[in-house]
Amino acid sequence: MDLTPALLLNALMIFGLRILDVSLGTLRIGMIVRGRRNLAAVLSFFESLIWLTAAAQVLGNLESPVQFIAYAGGYAAGTLVGAWIEQWLAVGKVVLRAFVPVNAPDVAGALRSAGYYVTALNGSGRDGDVRILFSVIPRRASGKVLRLIEEVYPKAFVTIEEVSTADLQEASVRQERMARRFRMNRK
């Protein structure tokens, strides 16, 4: 089998298509986890369309190991690219927990001054009394919030977790809007 320019160009196209479809798949899963079902559905349409195109190219010439390698390499590269894009987009919210000694500088006050909501609880740890701070923040803001905590009290122990649902107020506002629409339509 000769490595013709047409074969190499086709392999490059397969590689690129796989990067696209796997990246979209990674983003789709992230959107599902974060409750963005409509966006996930749109992404899945394009993901499957692109995958079908790439698979048809490979299956149209089963004697080409170059295309198999391009297909698998595109899958691997698409995984990396999709994860990078998902991290860069930083969609959703996270819950941040900070553990600080009770007598530490006022981390909760600094977070509140920066515009974040904070719930503080007192607890008892291995080395004495602690204050446990909880805040649900945009995922995109987590680096900024971590830097702020570090400025105020660098020894704080901080954990961050993804939040799949947050803010019952948003749900109640949606329900109120629907009720108003229904009342308006009945008149």
N, C-alpha and C. Protein backbone atom coordinates (compact mmCIF):
# COMPACT_ATOMS: atom_id res chain seq x y z
N MET A 1 0.84 -1.17 0.00
CA MET A 1 0.00 0.00 0.00
C MET A 1 0.88 1.24 0.00
N ASP A 2 0.63 2.12 -0.95
CA ASP A 2 1.42 3.34 -1.08
C ASP A 2 0.78 4.47 -0.26
N LEU A 3 1.67 5.29 0.30
CA LEU A 3 1.20 6.48 1.02
C LEU A 3 1.08 7.63 0.03
N THR A 4 -0.04 7.70 -0.60
CA THR A 4 -0.28 8.75 -1.58
C THR A 4 -0.73 10.03 -0.87
N PRO A 5 -0.57 11.17 -1.52
CA PRO A 5 -1.06 12.42 -0.91
C PRO A 5 -2.56 12.37 -0.60
N ALA A 6 -3.34 11.71 -1.45
CA ALA A 6 -4.78 11.60 -1.21
C ALA A 6 -5.07 10.79 0.05
N LEU A 7 -4.31 9.70 0.23
CA LEU A 7 -4.49 8.87 1.42
C LEU A 7 -4.10 9.64 2.68
N LEU A 8 -2.99 10.37 2.63
CA LEU A 8 -2.56 11.15 3.78
C LEU A 8 -3.54 12.28 4.10
N LEU A 9 -4.07 12.90 3.06
CA LEU A 9 -5.06 13.96 3.26
C LEU A 9 -6.34 13.40 3.88
N ASN A 10 -6.75 12.23 3.42
CA ASN A 10 -7.93 11.57 3.99
C ASN A 10 -7.68 11.21 5.46
N ALA A 11 -6.49 10.71 5.76
CA ALA A 11 -6.15 10.37 7.15
C ALA A 11 -6.16 11.62 8.03
N LEU A 12 -5.65 12.72 7.51
CA LEU A 12 -5.65 13.98 8.24
C LEU A 12 -7.09 14.45 8.49
N MET A 13 -7.96 14.28 7.50
CA MET A 13 -9.36 14.66 7.66
C MET A 13 -10.02 13.80 8.73
N ILE A 14 -9.76 12.51 8.73
CA ILE A 14 -10.31 11.60 9.74
C ILE A 14 -9.83 12.01 11.12
N PHE A 15 -8.55 12.30 11.23
CA PHE A 15 -7.95 12.74 12.50
C PHE A 15 -8.68 13.99 13.01
N GLY A 16 -8.86 14.97 12.15
CA GLY A 16 -9.53 16.21 12.53
C GLY A 16 -10.99 16.00 12.90
N LEU A 17 -11.69 15.17 12.14
CA LEU A 17 -13.09 14.89 12.45
C LEU A 17 -13.23 14.21 13.81
N ARG A 18 -12.31 13.29 14.10
CA ARG A 18 -12.36 12.61 15.40
C ARG A 18 -12.07 13.58 16.54
N ILE A 19 -11.15 14.50 16.34
CA ILE A 19 -10.90 15.51 17.37
C ILE A 19 -12.19 16.29 17.65
N LEU A 20 -12.87 16.67 16.58
CA LEU A 20 -14.12 17.43 16.73
C LEU A 20 -15.20 16.62 17.44
N ASP A 21 -15.45 15.40 16.98
CA ASP A 21 -16.57 14.66 17.55
C ASP A 21 -16.31 14.23 18.99
N VAL A 22 -15.08 13.86 19.31
CA VAL A 22 -14.79 13.46 20.68
C VAL A 22 -14.81 14.68 21.61
N SER A 23 -14.33 15.82 21.13
CA SER A 23 -14.40 17.05 21.93
C SER A 23 -15.85 17.42 22.21
N LEU A 24 -16.69 17.32 21.19
CA LEU A 24 -18.12 17.60 21.40
C LEU A 24 -18.74 16.62 22.38
N GLY A 25 -18.32 15.37 22.31
CA GLY A 25 -18.82 14.36 23.25
C GLY A 25 -18.43 14.68 24.68
N THR A 26 -17.20 15.12 24.88
CA THR A 26 -16.75 15.50 26.22
C THR A 26 -17.56 16.69 26.73
N LEU A 27 -17.77 17.67 25.87
CA LEU A 27 -18.57 18.83 26.27
C LEU A 27 -20.02 18.43 26.54
N ARG A 28 -20.55 17.53 25.73
CA ARG A 28 -21.93 17.06 25.91
C ARG A 28 -22.11 16.43 27.28
N ILE A 29 -21.19 15.57 27.67
CA ILE A 29 -21.28 14.92 28.98
C ILE A 29 -21.21 15.97 30.09
N GLY A 30 -20.31 16.95 29.94
CA GLY A 30 -20.23 18.02 30.93
C GLY A 30 -21.52 18.81 31.05
N MET A 31 -22.18 19.04 29.93
CA MET A 31 -23.44 19.78 29.95
C MET A 31 -24.55 18.96 30.60
N ILE A 32 -24.57 17.66 30.36
CA ILE A 32 -25.57 16.80 30.99
C ILE A 32 -25.39 16.82 32.50
N VAL A 33 -24.16 16.67 32.95
CA VAL A 33 -23.87 16.66 34.38
C VAL A 33 -24.30 17.98 35.03
N ARG A 34 -24.17 19.08 34.31
CA ARG A 34 -24.51 20.38 34.87
C ARG A 34 -25.94 20.80 34.60
N GLY A 35 -26.76 19.88 34.08
CA GLY A 35 -28.17 20.15 33.89
C GLY A 35 -28.53 20.94 32.64
N ARG A 36 -27.61 21.09 31.72
CA ARG A 36 -27.88 21.82 30.48
C ARG A 36 -28.26 20.83 29.38
N ARG A 37 -29.45 20.25 29.53
CA ARG A 37 -29.88 19.17 28.63
C ARG A 37 -30.09 19.62 27.19
N ASN A 38 -30.65 20.81 27.00
CA ASN A 38 -30.91 21.28 25.63
C ASN A 38 -29.60 21.48 24.86
N LEU A 39 -28.63 22.10 25.51
CA LEU A 39 -27.33 22.28 24.87
C LEU A 39 -26.68 20.92 24.59
N ALA A 40 -26.82 19.99 25.53
CA ALA A 40 -26.27 18.65 25.34
C ALA A 40 -26.90 17.97 24.12
N ALA A 41 -28.19 18.18 23.92
CA ALA A 41 -28.87 17.57 22.77
C ALA A 41 -28.33 18.14 21.46
N VAL A 42 -28.11 19.44 21.41
CA VAL A 42 -27.57 20.06 20.20
C VAL A 42 -26.15 19.53 19.93
N LEU A 43 -25.33 19.48 20.99
CA LEU A 43 -23.97 18.96 20.83
C LEU A 43 -23.99 17.52 20.34
N SER A 44 -24.93 16.71 20.85
CA SER A 44 -24.97 15.29 20.46
C SER A 44 -25.33 15.13 18.99
N PHE A 45 -26.16 16.03 18.47
CA PHE A 45 -26.50 15.97 17.05
C PHE A 45 -25.24 16.12 16.19
N PHE A 46 -24.47 17.17 16.48
CA PHE A 46 -23.27 17.43 15.69
C PHE A 46 -22.19 16.38 15.95
N GLU A 47 -22.10 15.92 17.19
CA GLU A 47 -21.13 14.87 17.52
C GLU A 47 -21.39 13.62 16.68
N SER A 48 -22.64 13.17 16.62
CA SER A 48 -22.94 11.94 15.87
C SER A 48 -22.80 12.14 14.37
N LEU A 49 -23.14 13.32 13.87
CA LEU A 49 -23.00 13.61 12.44
C LEU A 49 -21.52 13.57 12.03
N ILE A 50 -20.69 14.18 12.84
CA ILE A 50 -19.24 14.20 12.55
C ILE A 50 -18.66 12.79 12.68
N TRP A 51 -19.08 12.05 13.72
CA TRP A 51 -18.58 10.69 13.90
C TRP A 51 -18.96 9.83 12.69
N LEU A 52 -20.19 9.95 12.24
CA LEU A 52 -20.64 9.16 11.10
C LEU A 52 -19.79 9.44 9.86
N THR A 53 -19.45 10.69 9.65
CA THR A 53 -18.61 11.07 8.51
C THR A 53 -17.23 10.44 8.63
N ALA A 54 -16.63 10.53 9.82
CA ALA A 54 -15.29 9.95 10.03
C ALA A 54 -15.32 8.43 9.89
N ALA A 55 -16.32 7.78 10.49
CA ALA A 55 -16.42 6.32 10.41
C ALA A 55 -16.62 5.87 8.97
N ALA A 56 -17.41 6.60 8.20
CA ALA A 56 -17.64 6.24 6.80
C ALA A 56 -16.33 6.30 6.01
N GLN A 57 -15.50 7.27 6.32
CA GLN A 57 -14.20 7.38 5.63
C GLN A 57 -13.32 6.18 5.93
N VAL A 58 -13.29 5.77 7.20
CA VAL A 58 -12.45 4.62 7.58
C VAL A 58 -13.02 3.33 7.00
N LEU A 59 -14.32 3.15 7.13
CA LEU A 59 -14.94 1.91 6.65
C LEU A 59 -14.95 1.81 5.12
N GLY A 60 -14.78 2.93 4.46
CA GLY A 60 -14.72 2.92 3.00
C GLY A 60 -13.40 2.38 2.47
N ASN A 61 -12.38 2.29 3.32
CA ASN A 61 -11.08 1.79 2.90
C ASN A 61 -10.47 1.01 4.06
N LEU A 62 -10.88 -0.24 4.21
CA LEU A 62 -10.45 -1.06 5.34
C LEU A 62 -9.02 -1.59 5.20
N GLU A 63 -8.37 -1.35 4.07
CA GLU A 63 -7.00 -1.82 3.91
C GLU A 63 -5.98 -0.75 4.28
N SER A 64 -6.39 0.31 4.91
CA SER A 64 -5.49 1.42 5.20
C SER A 64 -5.21 1.55 6.70
N PRO A 65 -4.10 1.00 7.16
CA PRO A 65 -3.77 1.15 8.59
C PRO A 65 -3.50 2.62 8.95
N VAL A 66 -3.14 3.42 7.99
CA VAL A 66 -2.90 4.85 8.26
C VAL A 66 -4.20 5.50 8.72
N GLN A 67 -5.30 5.12 8.11
CA GLN A 67 -6.59 5.68 8.51
C GLN A 67 -7.02 5.17 9.88
N PHE A 68 -6.70 3.92 10.20
CA PHE A 68 -7.00 3.39 11.54
C PHE A 68 -6.25 4.19 12.59
N ILE A 69 -4.98 4.43 12.31
CA ILE A 69 -4.15 5.19 13.25
C ILE A 69 -4.67 6.62 13.38
N ALA A 70 -5.07 7.21 12.27
CA ALA A 70 -5.63 8.58 12.31
C ALA A 70 -6.91 8.60 13.13
N TYR A 71 -7.74 7.58 12.98
CA TYR A 71 -9.00 7.48 13.71
C TYR A 71 -8.73 7.39 15.22
N ALA A 72 -7.85 6.47 15.61
CA ALA A 72 -7.53 6.29 17.03
C ALA A 72 -6.79 7.50 17.59
N GLY A 73 -5.87 8.05 16.80
CA GLY A 73 -5.14 9.24 17.26
C GLY A 73 -6.05 10.44 17.43
N GLY A 74 -7.02 10.59 16.54
CA GLY A 74 -7.99 11.67 16.67
C GLY A 74 -8.84 11.51 17.92
N TYR A 75 -9.16 10.27 18.25
CA TYR A 75 -9.93 10.00 19.48
C TYR A 75 -9.14 10.44 20.70
N ALA A 76 -7.87 10.06 20.76
CA ALA A 76 -7.02 10.43 21.90
C ALA A 76 -6.85 11.95 21.98
N ALA A 77 -6.55 12.57 20.85
CA ALA A 77 -6.36 14.02 20.83
C ALA A 77 -7.67 14.74 21.16
N GLY A 78 -8.80 14.20 20.69
CA GLY A 78 -10.10 14.80 20.98
C GLY A 78 -10.43 14.76 22.46
N THR A 79 -10.01 13.69 23.13
CA THR A 79 -10.21 13.60 24.57
C THR A 79 -9.48 14.73 25.28
N LEU A 80 -8.22 14.95 24.90
CA LEU A 80 -7.44 16.03 25.50
C LEU A 80 -8.03 17.40 25.18
N VAL A 81 -8.37 17.62 23.91
CA VAL A 81 -8.91 18.91 23.49
C VAL A 81 -10.25 19.17 24.17
N GLY A 82 -11.12 18.18 24.22
CA GLY A 82 -12.43 18.34 24.86
C GLY A 82 -12.30 18.67 26.34
N ALA A 83 -11.39 17.98 27.03
CA ALA A 83 -11.18 18.26 28.46
C ALA A 83 -10.64 19.67 28.65
N TRP A 84 -9.75 20.10 27.78
CA TRP A 84 -9.19 21.45 27.88
C TRP A 84 -10.28 22.50 27.64
N ILE A 85 -11.11 22.30 26.63
CA ILE A 85 -12.20 23.25 26.33
C ILE A 85 -13.19 23.29 27.49
N GLU A 86 -13.54 22.14 28.03
CA GLU A 86 -14.50 22.08 29.13
C GLU A 86 -13.95 22.82 30.35
N GLN A 87 -12.68 22.64 30.62
CA GLN A 87 -12.05 23.34 31.75
C GLN A 87 -12.00 24.84 31.49
N TRP A 88 -11.72 25.23 30.26
CA TRP A 88 -11.63 26.64 29.90
C TRP A 88 -13.00 27.30 30.00
N LEU A 89 -14.07 26.61 29.56
CA LEU A 89 -15.42 27.18 29.64
C LEU A 89 -15.88 27.33 31.08
N ALA A 90 -15.50 26.38 31.94
CA ALA A 90 -15.82 26.41 33.37
C ALA A 90 -17.29 26.70 33.61
N VAL A 91 -18.15 25.91 33.01
CA VAL A 91 -19.60 26.08 33.15
C VAL A 91 -20.05 25.50 34.48
N GLY A 92 -20.99 26.14 35.13
CA GLY A 92 -21.59 25.59 36.33
C GLY A 92 -21.13 26.26 37.60
N LYS A 93 -21.50 25.62 38.71
CA LYS A 93 -21.19 26.13 40.03
C LYS A 93 -20.44 25.08 40.82
N VAL A 94 -19.70 25.54 41.82
CA VAL A 94 -18.99 24.65 42.73
C VAL A 94 -19.29 25.08 44.16
N VAL A 95 -19.18 24.14 45.06
CA VAL A 95 -19.27 24.49 46.48
C VAL A 95 -17.85 24.49 47.02
N LEU A 96 -17.51 25.59 47.65
CA LEU A 96 -16.18 25.76 48.22
C LEU A 96 -16.32 25.64 49.73
N ARG A 97 -15.46 24.85 50.35
CA ARG A 97 -15.41 24.72 51.80
C ARG A 97 -14.02 25.14 52.25
N ALA A 98 -13.99 26.04 53.21
CA ALA A 98 -12.71 26.47 53.77
C ALA A 98 -12.74 26.22 55.27
N PHE A 99 -11.69 25.62 55.77
CA PHE A 99 -11.55 25.33 57.19
C PHE A 99 -10.43 26.21 57.73
N VAL A 100 -10.77 27.05 58.70
CA VAL A 100 -9.78 27.96 59.28
C VAL A 100 -9.95 27.96 60.80
N PRO A 101 -8.87 28.18 61.55
CA PRO A 101 -9.02 28.30 63.00
C PRO A 101 -9.94 29.49 63.33
N VAL A 102 -10.66 29.38 64.44
CA VAL A 102 -11.58 30.44 64.84
C VAL A 102 -10.86 31.77 65.00
N ASN A 103 -9.62 31.74 65.46
CA ASN A 103 -8.88 32.99 65.70
C ASN A 103 -8.08 33.47 64.47
N ALA A 104 -8.30 32.84 63.32
CA ALA A 104 -7.61 33.24 62.08
C ALA A 104 -8.20 34.56 61.57
N PRO A 105 -7.50 35.25 60.66
CA PRO A 105 -8.07 36.45 60.05
C PRO A 105 -9.43 36.14 59.41
N ASP A 106 -10.26 37.14 59.24
CA ASP A 106 -11.65 36.99 58.81
C ASP A 106 -11.77 36.65 57.31
N VAL A 107 -11.67 35.37 56.98
CA VAL A 107 -11.79 34.91 55.60
C VAL A 107 -13.23 35.11 55.11
N ALA A 108 -14.21 34.80 55.97
CA ALA A 108 -15.61 34.95 55.59
C ALA A 108 -15.92 36.41 55.25
N GLY A 109 -15.41 37.34 56.05
CA GLY A 109 -15.63 38.76 55.79
C GLY A 109 -15.02 39.19 54.46
N ALA A 110 -13.84 38.69 54.16
CA ALA A 110 -13.18 39.03 52.90
C ALA A 110 -13.98 38.50 51.71
N LEU A 111 -14.50 37.28 51.82
CA LEU A 111 -15.31 36.71 50.74
C LEU A 111 -16.60 37.50 50.57
N ARG A 112 -17.23 37.85 51.68
CA ARG A 112 -18.47 38.64 51.60
C ARG A 112 -18.20 40.01 50.99
N SER A 113 -17.09 40.63 51.37
CA SER A 113 -16.73 41.95 50.80
C SER A 113 -16.51 41.85 49.30
N ALA A 114 -16.07 40.69 48.84
CA ALA A 114 -15.84 40.48 47.41
C ALA A 114 -17.14 40.11 46.67
N GLY A 115 -18.25 40.01 47.41
CA GLY A 115 -19.54 39.76 46.77
C GLY A 115 -20.01 38.33 46.79
N TYR A 116 -19.36 37.46 47.55
CA TYR A 116 -19.76 36.06 47.61
C TYR A 116 -20.58 35.80 48.87
N TYR A 117 -21.58 34.93 48.76
CA TYR A 117 -22.36 34.52 49.92
C TYR A 117 -21.56 33.45 50.67
N VAL A 118 -21.55 33.56 51.99
CA VAL A 118 -20.78 32.62 52.81
C VAL A 118 -21.62 32.20 54.01
N THR A 119 -21.64 30.92 54.27
CA THR A 119 -22.24 30.40 55.49
C THR A 119 -21.10 29.87 56.35
N ALA A 120 -21.06 30.31 57.61
CA ALA A 120 -19.98 29.91 58.52
C ALA A 120 -20.55 29.08 59.66
N LEU A 121 -19.89 27.98 59.94
CA LEU A 121 -20.25 27.11 61.05
C LEU A 121 -19.03 26.93 61.94
N ASN A 122 -19.25 26.83 63.23
CA ASN A 122 -18.15 26.54 64.14
C ASN A 122 -18.06 25.04 64.33
N GLY A 123 -16.84 24.57 64.45
CA GLY A 123 -16.61 23.15 64.64
C GLY A 123 -15.38 22.94 65.49
N SER A 124 -15.07 21.69 65.67
CA SER A 124 -13.92 21.36 66.48
C SER A 124 -13.06 20.39 65.69
N GLY A 125 -11.79 20.73 65.54
CA GLY A 125 -10.87 19.91 64.77
C GLY A 125 -9.81 19.29 65.64
N ARG A 126 -8.86 18.63 65.02
CA ARG A 126 -7.78 17.97 65.75
C ARG A 126 -6.97 18.95 66.58
N ASP A 127 -6.76 20.14 66.02
CA ASP A 127 -5.91 21.13 66.69
C ASP A 127 -6.70 22.24 67.38
N GLY A 128 -8.01 22.07 67.56
CA GLY A 128 -8.79 23.08 68.27
C GLY A 128 -10.03 23.49 67.49
N ASP A 129 -10.61 24.61 67.93
CA ASP A 129 -11.85 25.10 67.31
C ASP A 129 -11.58 25.67 65.92
N VAL A 130 -12.49 25.38 65.00
CA VAL A 130 -12.34 25.84 63.62
C VAL A 130 -13.64 26.50 63.17
N ARG A 131 -13.52 27.27 62.12
CA ARG A 131 -14.68 27.83 61.44
C ARG A 131 -14.70 27.17 60.05
N ILE A 132 -15.85 26.64 59.71
CA ILE A 132 -16.02 25.99 58.42
C ILE A 132 -16.87 26.93 57.56
N LEU A 133 -16.33 27.34 56.44
CA LEU A 133 -17.00 28.28 55.56
C LEU A 133 -17.50 27.55 54.31
N PHE A 134 -18.74 27.80 53.95
CA PHE A 134 -19.35 27.22 52.76
C PHE A 134 -19.74 28.35 51.82
N SER A 135 -19.46 28.19 50.55
CA SER A 135 -19.89 29.17 49.56
C SER A 135 -20.12 28.47 48.23
N VAL A 136 -21.27 28.73 47.61
CA VAL A 136 -21.53 28.22 46.26
C VAL A 136 -21.17 29.35 45.31
N ILE A 137 -20.20 29.07 44.44
CA ILE A 137 -19.67 30.12 43.55
C ILE A 137 -19.66 29.63 42.11
N PRO A 138 -19.62 30.56 41.15
CA PRO A 138 -19.45 30.12 39.76
C PRO A 138 -18.11 29.39 39.62
N ARG A 139 -18.12 28.30 38.90
CA ARG A 139 -16.89 27.52 38.71
C ARG A 139 -15.76 28.37 38.13
N ARG A 140 -16.14 29.30 37.26
CA ARG A 140 -15.17 30.18 36.61
C ARG A 140 -14.44 31.06 37.63
N ALA A 141 -15.09 31.33 38.77
CA ALA A 141 -14.50 32.24 39.78
C ALA A 141 -13.66 31.51 40.82
N SER A 142 -13.55 30.19 40.73
CA SER A 142 -12.87 29.44 41.79
C SER A 142 -11.41 29.83 41.96
N GLY A 143 -10.69 30.10 40.89
CA GLY A 143 -9.28 30.53 41.01
C GLY A 143 -9.16 31.86 41.73
N LYS A 144 -10.03 32.78 41.39
CA LYS A 144 -10.03 34.11 42.01
C LYS A 144 -10.33 34.00 43.52
N VAL A 145 -11.31 33.16 43.87
CA VAL A 145 -11.68 32.98 45.27
C VAL A 145 -10.55 32.31 46.04
N LEU A 146 -9.89 31.33 45.43
CA LEU A 146 -8.75 30.68 46.09
C LEU A 146 -7.63 31.67 46.36
N ARG A 147 -7.36 32.54 45.39
CA ARG A 147 -6.32 33.56 45.60
C ARG A 147 -6.70 34.52 46.73
N LEU A 148 -7.97 34.88 46.81
CA LEU A 148 -8.43 35.77 47.88
C LEU A 148 -8.25 35.10 49.24
N ILE A 149 -8.64 33.85 49.35
CA ILE A 149 -8.46 33.12 50.61
C ILE A 149 -6.99 33.04 50.97
N GLU A 150 -6.14 32.77 49.98
CA GLU A 150 -4.70 32.68 50.24
C GLU A 150 -4.13 34.00 50.74
N GLU A 151 -4.63 35.11 50.21
CA GLU A 151 -4.16 36.42 50.66
C GLU A 151 -4.54 36.67 52.12
N VAL A 152 -5.75 36.25 52.50
CA VAL A 152 -6.24 36.51 53.86
C VAL A 152 -5.64 35.53 54.85
N TYR A 153 -5.66 34.25 54.52
CA TYR A 153 -5.13 33.22 55.43
C TYR A 153 -4.57 32.06 54.61
N PRO A 154 -3.27 32.10 54.33
CA PRO A 154 -2.66 31.09 53.44
C PRO A 154 -2.72 29.65 53.96
N LYS A 155 -2.93 29.46 55.27
CA LYS A 155 -2.95 28.11 55.83
C LYS A 155 -4.34 27.47 55.80
N ALA A 156 -5.32 28.14 55.20
CA ALA A 156 -6.67 27.58 55.14
C ALA A 156 -6.66 26.27 54.37
N PHE A 157 -7.47 25.34 54.84
CA PHE A 157 -7.66 24.08 54.11
C PHE A 157 -8.93 24.25 53.30
N VAL A 158 -8.83 24.11 51.98
CA VAL A 158 -9.95 24.40 51.09
C VAL A 158 -10.25 23.19 50.22
N THR A 159 -11.54 22.87 50.10
CA THR A 159 -11.97 21.84 49.16
C THR A 159 -13.00 22.47 48.22
N ILE A 160 -13.05 21.96 47.00
CA ILE A 160 -14.00 22.43 46.01
C ILE A 160 -14.64 21.21 45.36
N GLU A 161 -15.97 21.26 45.23
CA GLU A 161 -16.72 20.17 44.61
C GLU A 161 -17.71 20.71 43.61
N GLU A 162 -17.97 19.95 42.57
CA GLU A 162 -18.98 20.31 41.58
C GLU A 162 -20.36 20.29 42.23
N VAL A 163 -21.23 21.16 41.77
CA VAL A 163 -22.61 21.20 42.24
C VAL A 163 -23.50 20.93 41.04
N SER A 164 -24.37 19.92 41.14
CA SER A 164 -25.24 19.64 40.01
C SER A 164 -26.51 20.48 40.06
N THR A 165 -27.04 20.73 41.25
CA THR A 165 -28.19 21.62 41.37
C THR A 165 -27.91 22.57 42.52
N ALA A 166 -28.24 23.80 42.30
CA ALA A 166 -28.06 24.80 43.34
C ALA A 166 -29.10 25.88 43.15
N ASP A 167 -29.42 26.54 44.21
CA ASP A 167 -30.27 27.72 44.18
C ASP A 167 -31.72 27.38 43.94
N LEU A 168 -32.40 27.02 45.01
CA LEU A 168 -33.82 26.74 44.92
C LEU A 168 -34.60 27.99 44.56
N GLN A 169 -34.01 29.15 44.84
CA GLN A 169 -34.67 30.41 44.49
C GLN A 169 -34.86 30.50 42.98
N GLU A 170 -33.88 30.05 42.22
CA GLU A 170 -34.02 30.06 40.76
C GLU A 170 -35.21 29.22 40.33
N ALA A 171 -35.39 28.06 40.95
CA ALA A 171 -36.52 27.19 40.61
C ALA A 171 -37.83 27.86 40.99
N SER A 172 -37.89 28.51 42.15
CA SER A 172 -39.14 29.14 42.56
C SER A 172 -39.46 30.34 41.66
N VAL A 173 -38.44 31.06 41.21
CA VAL A 173 -38.67 32.17 40.29
C VAL A 173 -39.23 31.65 38.98
N ARG A 174 -38.71 30.54 38.47
CA ARG A 174 -39.24 29.94 37.24
C ARG A 174 -40.70 29.53 37.43
N GLN A 175 -41.02 28.95 38.60
CA GLN A 175 -42.40 28.54 38.86
C GLN A 175 -43.32 29.75 38.91
N GLU A 176 -42.86 30.84 39.53
CA GLU A 176 -43.67 32.06 39.59
C GLU A 176 -43.92 32.62 38.20
N ARG A 177 -42.90 32.62 37.36
CA ARG A 177 -43.05 33.11 35.98
C ARG A 177 -44.08 32.28 35.22
N MET A 178 -43.99 30.95 35.38
CA MET A 178 -44.94 30.07 34.70
C MET A 178 -46.35 30.33 35.19
N ALA A 179 -46.51 30.52 36.50
CA ALA A 179 -47.84 30.78 37.06
C ALA A 179 -48.39 32.09 36.53
N ARG A 180 -47.55 33.14 36.44
CA ARG A 180 -47.99 34.43 35.89
C ARG A 180 -48.41 34.27 34.44
N ARG A 181 -47.64 33.54 33.67
CA ARG A 181 -47.99 33.32 32.26
C ARG A 181 -49.32 32.61 32.14
N PHE A 182 -49.51 31.61 33.00
CA PHE A 182 -50.75 30.85 32.95
C PHE A 182 -51.93 31.74 33.32
N ARG A 183 -51.78 32.57 34.36
CA ARG A 183 -52.85 33.49 34.75
C ARG A 183 -53.13 34.50 33.64
N MET A 184 -52.06 34.99 32.96
CA MET A 184 -52.25 35.96 31.89
C MET A 184 -52.99 35.33 30.73
N ASN A 185 -52.70 34.08 30.43
CA ASN A 185 -53.34 33.40 29.31
C ASN A 185 -54.80 33.08 29.59
N ARG A 186 -55.17 32.95 30.86
CA ARG A 186 -56.56 32.62 31.21
C ARG A 186 -57.47 33.81 31.10
N LYS A 187 -56.94 35.02 31.18
CA LYS A 187 -57.78 36.23 31.14
C LYS A 187 -58.30 36.52 29.78
